[in-house]
Amino acid sequence: MNQRLLILLGIGLILLLPSCVVYMPIQCAAPQITDKKQGEVTLSTYLNGRADIAGTYSPVRHLLVRAAFSNLRDNSKDSTYYRGHQYDLGLGTYWQPHPRLLVGALGGFGQAQSMAGFSRAGFFFPSTRYEYDARYNKVYGEAYGTFQASNAVSLGLAYRVTQVNFTTLTNRGTPVDLRGMTRGEPMVYFRVRLGDGPPESRPVQLQAAWGSSSTFGYYENATYAEGVRDLKQTRGYTTIGITLFPHCLFGKAASAPEGR
C-alpha cells in the first residue's frame, strides 16, 4: 500500500520538472532527526538526472550540522544542455512539541556554478541562441514540520528562502544585468520508513518530494532586460530519494547478542 501511494503521488505531480535556466534550487533539508547522536545520509535524484547527497548530524540535543552537494552532468553534444554543481553548509535546530510532530529550522550558505544552452524559435523570426554561464553565492534559511502518521509513514512541509548573489552571469559571453534575486521555495514530502518497530529503530527511509522556486517581486507581465526573465521565472522540481540512518544500524549491531 505504501509503495502504491508513492507511485500515485509521483504521477500526480510529475509535471513539476526541474527546469531553471542557471539557478538550480536544491531541495529543502527537513531532516528526520529527533535526538542527539542521530544522523542521516540522503541520496536524491531529480527527474532531469541531477543528484543530491546530503548528511545531517546532531552532536548535541536540538543542534543540527548539515552539508549537501548537488551535481548535474550533461555529457551530450546536443545544442540544448544543462549542467552544474553546488554545495550547501548549514546549522539548525529541531524540537518535538508532540510525539507525532517534528519541527525545525536551518540556515546556511553555499556556492554554485551552472551552465545552460538552448535555442528559442519565434513564429516569424529565426531562432535565438542562449548560452548562460553563472557562478553565484547563496545564503538560505529554512523551516520545516513533519507529521508522523504511523510508524512507517510521515509527511510534511518545508519552506526555504534563498538569497542568490551572482559573481558571474553571462549569455554568450555578454554580461546579464542581474546581480541577485531572492527566491521563495516551498516543498511537500511523503516518506516511508522501512523496517520493524518504532520509527527511530528503522534504518532506511524512502522519500518523494515536490517543490517550486519563485523570485520575490517577479511579475510575468513586466518588462525585463535581455535574459533576466529566463532567470527569474518560477520553476518546479520533483525528487525521489533514499535515506540511511547510521545510528539505527550501529545501535542494532551493538545490541545484538554475541554468537556462541
Protein backbone atom coordinates (compact mmCIF):
# COMPACT_ATOMS: atom_id res chain seq x y z
CA MET A 1 0.00 0.00 0.00
CA ASN A 2 2.80 2.43 0.89
CA GLN A 3 4.54 1.78 -2.43
CA ARG A 4 1.29 2.40 -4.31
CA LEU A 5 0.85 5.71 -2.53
CA LEU A 6 4.33 6.81 -3.56
CA ILE A 7 3.65 5.89 -7.19
CA LEU A 8 0.32 7.73 -7.26
CA LEU A 9 1.78 10.85 -5.70
CA GLY A 10 4.66 10.79 -8.17
CA ILE A 11 2.34 10.52 -11.16
CA GLY A 12 0.02 13.22 -9.83
CA LEU A 13 2.77 15.84 -9.64
CA ILE A 14 5.18 14.68 -12.34
CA LEU A 15 4.77 17.96 -14.22
CA LEU A 16 6.90 19.72 -11.61
CA LEU A 17 10.13 19.27 -13.55
CA PRO A 18 13.42 20.90 -12.55
CA SER A 19 13.93 23.38 -15.39
CA CYS A 20 15.61 26.54 -14.12
CA VAL A 21 17.95 28.10 -16.65
CA VAL A 22 21.01 28.57 -14.43
CA TYR A 23 19.73 28.77 -10.86
CA MET A 24 19.33 25.22 -9.55
CA PRO A 25 17.02 25.05 -6.49
CA ILE A 26 18.25 22.40 -4.10
CA GLN A 27 15.52 20.56 -2.22
CA CYS A 28 14.77 21.52 1.36
CA ALA A 29 16.56 19.58 4.09
CA ALA A 30 13.78 18.74 6.61
CA PRO A 31 15.90 16.11 8.40
CA GLN A 32 14.20 13.28 10.29
CA ILE A 33 16.41 13.66 13.39
CA THR A 34 14.79 13.69 16.84
CA ASP A 35 17.66 13.39 19.35
CA LYS A 36 21.39 13.84 19.91
CA LYS A 37 23.88 11.42 18.34
CA GLN A 38 21.46 10.75 15.48
CA GLY A 39 22.47 11.22 11.88
CA GLU A 40 21.20 10.65 8.36
CA VAL A 41 22.67 10.38 4.87
CA THR A 42 20.34 11.07 1.95
CA LEU A 43 20.76 10.44 -1.76
CA SER A 44 18.16 12.05 -4.04
CA THR A 45 17.66 12.30 -7.78
CA TYR A 46 15.68 14.83 -9.81
CA LEU A 47 13.75 13.98 -12.96
CA ASN A 48 16.41 15.65 -15.14
CA GLY A 49 19.15 13.39 -13.77
CA ARG A 50 20.61 15.77 -11.19
CA ALA A 51 21.64 14.08 -7.95
CA ASP A 52 21.98 15.38 -4.38
CA ILE A 53 23.85 13.82 -1.50
CA ALA A 54 23.44 15.28 1.99
CA GLY A 55 24.48 14.43 5.52
CA THR A 56 22.97 15.77 8.74
CA TYR A 57 24.07 15.09 12.32
CA SER A 58 23.01 16.16 15.81
CA PRO A 59 26.11 16.32 18.08
CA VAL A 60 24.02 17.61 21.00
CA ARG A 61 20.30 17.77 21.53
CA HIS A 62 18.45 20.38 19.46
CA LEU A 63 21.51 21.17 17.28
CA LEU A 64 21.89 20.17 13.61
CA VAL A 65 25.00 20.26 11.42
CA ARG A 66 24.42 19.72 7.71
CA ALA A 67 26.32 19.54 4.41
CA ALA A 68 24.88 18.90 0.94
CA PHE A 69 26.29 18.58 -2.57
CA SER A 70 24.35 18.60 -5.85
CA ASN A 71 25.64 17.74 -9.31
CA LEU A 72 24.22 17.55 -12.83
CA ARG A 73 26.47 16.29 -15.61
CA ASP A 74 25.25 16.56 -19.19
CA ASN A 75 27.83 14.89 -21.43
CA SER A 76 25.71 15.05 -24.55
CA LYS A 77 26.86 17.06 -27.56
CA ASP A 78 23.36 18.39 -28.26
CA SER A 79 22.80 22.10 -28.69
CA THR A 80 20.49 22.00 -25.66
CA TYR A 81 22.31 21.30 -22.40
CA TYR A 82 22.08 21.97 -18.69
CA ARG A 83 24.88 21.21 -16.22
CA GLY A 84 26.23 22.44 -12.93
CA HIS A 85 27.14 21.72 -9.33
CA GLN A 86 26.71 23.35 -5.93
CA TYR A 87 27.11 22.83 -2.19
CA ASP A 88 25.31 23.90 0.98
CA LEU A 89 26.60 24.14 4.56
CA GLY A 90 24.29 24.88 7.46
CA LEU A 91 23.37 24.77 11.13
CA GLY A 92 19.92 24.23 12.58
CA THR A 93 17.69 23.13 15.41
CA TYR A 94 14.79 20.70 15.93
CA TRP A 95 12.04 20.20 18.51
CA GLN A 96 9.23 17.73 19.18
CA PRO A 97 6.23 19.57 20.66
CA HIS A 98 4.25 16.32 20.29
CA PRO A 99 5.39 12.68 19.83
CA ARG A 100 3.98 12.71 16.29
CA LEU A 101 5.22 16.19 15.33
CA LEU A 102 8.77 17.26 14.49
CA VAL A 103 9.60 20.90 13.71
CA GLY A 104 12.89 22.59 12.97
CA ALA A 105 14.80 25.32 11.20
CA LEU A 106 18.15 25.66 9.44
CA GLY A 107 20.27 28.41 7.98
CA GLY A 108 23.46 28.43 5.99
CA PHE A 109 25.33 29.36 2.84
CA GLY A 110 26.61 27.80 -0.35
CA GLN A 111 28.13 28.31 -3.79
CA ALA A 112 27.20 27.10 -7.25
CA GLN A 113 28.30 27.02 -10.86
CA SER A 114 25.93 26.19 -13.72
CA MET A 115 25.62 26.45 -17.48
CA ALA A 116 22.68 26.14 -19.86
CA GLY A 117 22.34 26.32 -23.63
CA PHE A 118 19.24 26.27 -25.82
CA SER A 119 17.59 27.93 -28.81
CA ARG A 120 14.22 29.64 -28.84
CA ALA A 121 12.35 29.96 -32.15
CA GLY A 122 9.78 32.64 -32.96
CA PHE A 123 6.79 32.41 -35.28
CA PHE A 124 8.14 34.82 -37.90
CA PHE A 125 11.80 35.23 -36.92
CA PRO A 126 14.87 32.95 -36.85
CA SER A 127 15.62 31.16 -33.62
CA THR A 128 17.61 32.95 -30.92
CA ARG A 129 20.50 31.17 -29.26
CA TYR A 130 21.07 31.39 -25.48
CA GLU A 131 24.17 30.15 -23.66
CA TYR A 132 24.12 31.09 -19.99
CA ASP A 133 27.10 30.73 -17.68
CA ALA A 134 26.64 31.55 -14.00
CA ARG A 135 28.55 31.44 -10.74
CA TYR A 136 26.82 32.55 -7.59
CA ASN A 137 26.91 32.60 -3.81
CA LYS A 138 23.79 31.97 -1.76
CA VAL A 139 22.51 32.35 1.78
CA TYR A 140 19.41 30.46 2.91
CA GLY A 141 17.02 29.95 5.79
CA GLU A 142 14.54 27.08 6.12
CA ALA A 143 11.72 25.96 8.40
CA TYR A 144 10.00 22.57 8.33
CA GLY A 145 7.40 20.43 10.03
CA THR A 146 6.91 16.65 9.79
CA PHE A 147 3.84 14.71 10.94
CA GLN A 148 4.38 11.04 11.83
CA ALA A 149 1.15 9.44 10.62
CA SER A 150 2.25 5.92 11.63
CA ASN A 151 5.43 4.02 12.44
CA ALA A 152 6.10 3.74 8.71
CA VAL A 153 4.55 6.84 7.10
CA SER A 154 5.28 10.53 7.61
CA LEU A 155 4.56 13.63 5.58
CA GLY A 156 5.48 17.25 5.88
CA LEU A 157 6.03 20.74 4.57
CA ALA A 158 9.19 22.83 4.35
CA TYR A 159 9.82 26.38 3.20
CA ARG A 160 13.19 27.84 2.24
CA VAL A 161 14.18 31.41 1.39
CA THR A 162 17.37 31.71 -0.66
CA GLN A 163 19.28 34.90 -1.41
CA VAL A 164 21.24 34.44 -4.65
CA ASN A 165 24.17 36.76 -5.46
CA PHE A 166 25.77 36.32 -8.88
CA THR A 167 29.53 36.71 -9.10
CA THR A 168 29.49 35.87 -12.84
CA LEU A 169 26.44 35.84 -15.13
CA THR A 170 26.76 35.93 -18.91
CA ASN A 171 24.81 34.99 -22.02
CA ARG A 172 27.15 34.01 -24.87
CA GLY A 173 29.90 35.98 -23.17
CA THR A 174 27.82 39.14 -22.66
CA PRO A 175 27.04 40.12 -19.04
CA VAL A 176 23.39 39.82 -18.00
CA ASP A 177 22.02 42.75 -15.98
CA LEU A 178 21.10 40.82 -12.84
CA ARG A 179 23.21 40.93 -9.69
CA GLY A 180 20.97 38.89 -7.41
CA MET A 181 17.48 37.68 -6.52
CA THR A 182 15.60 36.28 -3.54
CA ARG A 183 13.70 33.03 -4.02
CA GLY A 184 10.83 31.51 -2.03
CA GLU A 185 10.94 27.70 -2.16
CA PRO A 186 8.14 25.59 -0.61
CA MET A 187 8.34 21.80 -0.66
CA VAL A 188 5.98 18.99 0.36
CA TYR A 189 7.23 15.48 1.00
CA PHE A 190 5.98 11.96 1.68
CA ARG A 191 8.17 9.41 3.46
CA VAL A 192 8.07 5.68 4.13
CA ARG A 193 10.32 4.23 6.84
CA LEU A 194 11.34 0.63 6.15
CA GLY A 195 11.86 -1.95 8.87
CA ASP A 196 10.10 -3.01 12.07
CA GLY A 197 9.30 -1.30 15.34
CA PRO A 198 9.12 2.43 16.11
CA PRO A 199 10.41 4.96 13.53
CA GLU A 200 13.62 5.63 15.47
CA SER A 201 14.71 1.98 15.03
CA ARG A 202 14.09 1.74 11.26
CA PRO A 203 17.34 2.25 9.32
CA VAL A 204 16.05 3.08 5.81
CA GLN A 205 13.60 5.70 4.56
CA LEU A 206 12.18 6.42 1.10
CA GLN A 207 11.04 9.90 0.13
CA ALA A 208 9.15 11.57 -2.70
CA ALA A 209 9.17 15.38 -2.72
CA TRP A 210 7.73 18.17 -4.85
CA GLY A 211 8.82 21.78 -4.67
CA SER A 212 8.95 25.07 -6.51
CA SER A 213 11.17 28.14 -6.59
CA SER A 214 9.80 31.64 -7.22
CA THR A 215 11.50 35.03 -7.29
CA PHE A 216 10.12 37.62 -4.89
CA GLY A 217 8.96 40.68 -6.82
CA TYR A 218 8.78 38.91 -10.19
CA TYR A 219 5.77 39.75 -12.39
CA GLU A 220 5.05 37.75 -15.52
CA ASN A 221 3.77 40.75 -17.49
CA ALA A 222 6.56 43.14 -16.51
CA THR A 223 9.37 44.19 -18.86
CA TYR A 224 12.84 42.84 -18.06
CA ALA A 225 16.30 43.21 -19.57
CA GLU A 226 17.52 40.55 -22.01
CA GLY A 227 17.88 37.21 -20.25
CA VAL A 228 16.53 38.33 -16.87
CA ARG A 229 13.06 36.85 -17.40
CA ASP A 230 14.56 33.40 -18.05
CA LEU A 231 16.43 33.56 -14.75
CA LYS A 232 13.60 34.88 -12.58
CA GLN A 233 10.74 32.66 -13.71
CA THR A 234 9.07 30.22 -11.32
CA ARG A 235 10.23 26.63 -11.68
CA GLY A 236 9.31 23.32 -10.08
CA TYR A 237 11.08 20.10 -9.24
CA THR A 238 10.35 16.50 -8.27
CA THR A 239 12.77 14.26 -6.38
CA ILE A 240 12.93 10.65 -5.29
CA GLY A 241 15.35 9.78 -2.52
CA ILE A 242 16.60 7.23 -0.02
CA THR A 243 17.89 7.99 3.48
CA LEU A 244 20.08 5.83 5.71
CA PHE A 245 20.22 6.30 9.49
CA PRO A 246 23.62 5.02 10.72
CA HIS A 247 22.63 5.25 14.39
CA CYS A 248 19.89 2.67 13.77
CA LEU A 249 22.32 0.23 12.14
CA PHE A 250 25.04 0.70 14.75
CA GLY A 251 22.54 0.53 17.57
CA LYS A 252 21.19 -2.80 16.33
CA ALA A 253 24.68 -4.19 15.90
CA ALA A 254 25.68 -3.11 19.41
CA SER A 255 22.56 -4.62 21.00
CA ALA A 256 22.70 -7.94 19.09
CA PRO A 257 23.73 -10.91 21.26
CA GLU A 258 27.14 -12.43 20.65
CA GLY A 259 27.22 -15.74 18.85
CA ARG A 260 28.42 -18.83 20.62
